Amino acid sequence: VRTHNAAVSDVDGWLHANASQTAWLSTKDGMPGLTLGEDPGEGIGRQTDMPVPVRRIDRLFAEWDAHLAFAHIDVEGFERNAVLGMREVIKRDRPVFSTELFASRPDAKALLQTIAALNYSSFLVQEQCGMHFDCRNVLSFPNERLELLLDSPALDVAARSSRIVPVDAETVGAYRNVQTIASDHARCTSSWFCFHRFANLVVPARLRD
């Protein structure tokens, strides 16, 4: 087990906190109200202390000379920044990863659009993952590896009970409250549901054909 004390984002720098313990960070995208310093000694016009390094996951894995198999990203609304900061690792290793999101917020749609653009398919875990009713975890799989999941017993059970459901930028807004979305497969009225194969729910038709 290796620990690394750092924040993750789509840029490298330092996260500063002032004497009142309020932290701020900026990225090249210009997030409002946040400022990124070049190094721990830069004051940025305020009294600073306790600087925290900010690193792209791409940079960390380059330094470690390591490969990524699975990641869970839970960074309180900055998940898209973290994913943008690991694009080279995703391109090279094609890991499975999960992310937290708040289904009713605009950044959830942006996050899923970013993941889909990396040629991944996402599946929402139908349970509340935090204090907010719209808090969910999302599993994302590389599209080219979906066929390896055809007979996964765990994923099949989860899909058959509607505990995981396909999700994208257009459908994520439906998961604002804790609920099980009613569907034909929950009642086994669709022929594909009775085949005990995860792919019948999640793999695109072009792969099933």
Foldseek 3Di string as FASTA:
>chain_A
DDDDFAAEFQDWAKWWAAPVRDIFAADPVGDPPHHGHHYPVDQVPGHTDDIGIYAAVCVVCVVVVDADAEEEEEDPLRRQRNCNSCLVNCVPRVHKYKYKDQLQDLVVQVSQVVLVVSQKWKKWFQDADDDAFRITMIIIGHLVCVVVQFQPQVLLVCVLCQRIATDHSVRSNVRRGRDRDDDPSVVPPDVLSPPSTNCSHPRDPVVVD
